[in-house]
Amino acid sequence: MLLKEIEAFFEEDVGHEDYEEIVPYTSCNAEIHVNEEGVLAGLEEVKQIFDYMGVPYSTEFEDGSSLKSGDIILTISGAGAKILKAERLVLNFLGRMSGVATLTDSCVNAVRAINERVLVAGTRKTTPGFRKYEKKAIAIGGGDPHRFGLYEAVIIKDNHIALMGLASAVKRAKAKVSFTRKIEVEVESVEDALRAAELDVDIIMLDNMSPAEVRTCVKLLNERAVRDRVILEASGGIDIENIKDFASTGVDVISIGMITHSARWLGFSMTVV
């Protein structure tokens, strides 16, 4: 985490008030504990925040650790004013990132029970300003972060196709971007999936299709001997309840927005002892 990021987070939470003049500057000890089972994420960011504050800490955990209710994640000692100033910020990092990591872990385990080779990936449906931490939490939970922004890959989506046409959009992308960037096309029908394969793109995203439709796409691409030339990604309407159905279709990747936009925060508390 960059120094300017830490300071921006504190400015958002503390503002112009000198919080250390309001709370007694009394030496104390505190503990951060988790209230439920899950996967730990955000611990490295919490350490950096306490380092910035000059607050000593100790822990036996690391990001990616399995948690059970009651585990003491971090023991802190130092000035009470500094500890309480950082309390909400560090709990927010732990709660949000661990929530994303925990849900990702559940999805990954569900998929691996069907096919260990299928990746579970995130999307760009993230909290503005907090994307890199949510993407990191996905990776900690065993998932693939997918592209971090528009600059990492070209994804030709429905609105691009409506504006330019599929063939024209792919041709323009190939002419304009470096060979180092993959080109992906989002399709919503079996016919468009076959057309995209013929245009020699790198990835085909099968969007908002049922598992049966996805299986049909995979079957026809195999029959036309083009399946091995593309990465197949299933996306849209996928959740923890139906992800196993998609894992059995023959795709390479399942991208799932809910691991960020619908992840429930994991419960953490800080107690002065």
Foldseek 3Di string as FASTA:
>chain_A
DDPVLLVVLLCVVVNPDPQPVVDDQDKFKKWKFFAAWFFWAQVVVLVVNCVVLVKDKDAPDDGLDTDGGPDTGMMIIGTPSSCVSCFVVSQVSGFQLRLLLRQLLLLLVLLVVQPNQAAEEEDQLADVPCQVSSLVSNVSSVHHDPDSDCVQAAECEPVNCVVQNDLRSLVVCVVPDDPNHFYEYEDAALVVLVVVLVSQGAEYEHEPDDLVRLLVSLVVCVVVVSNVSYQYEYEYPDHSVCSNSNSNSPGRYYYYHCSHPVRGTGGMHMDTD
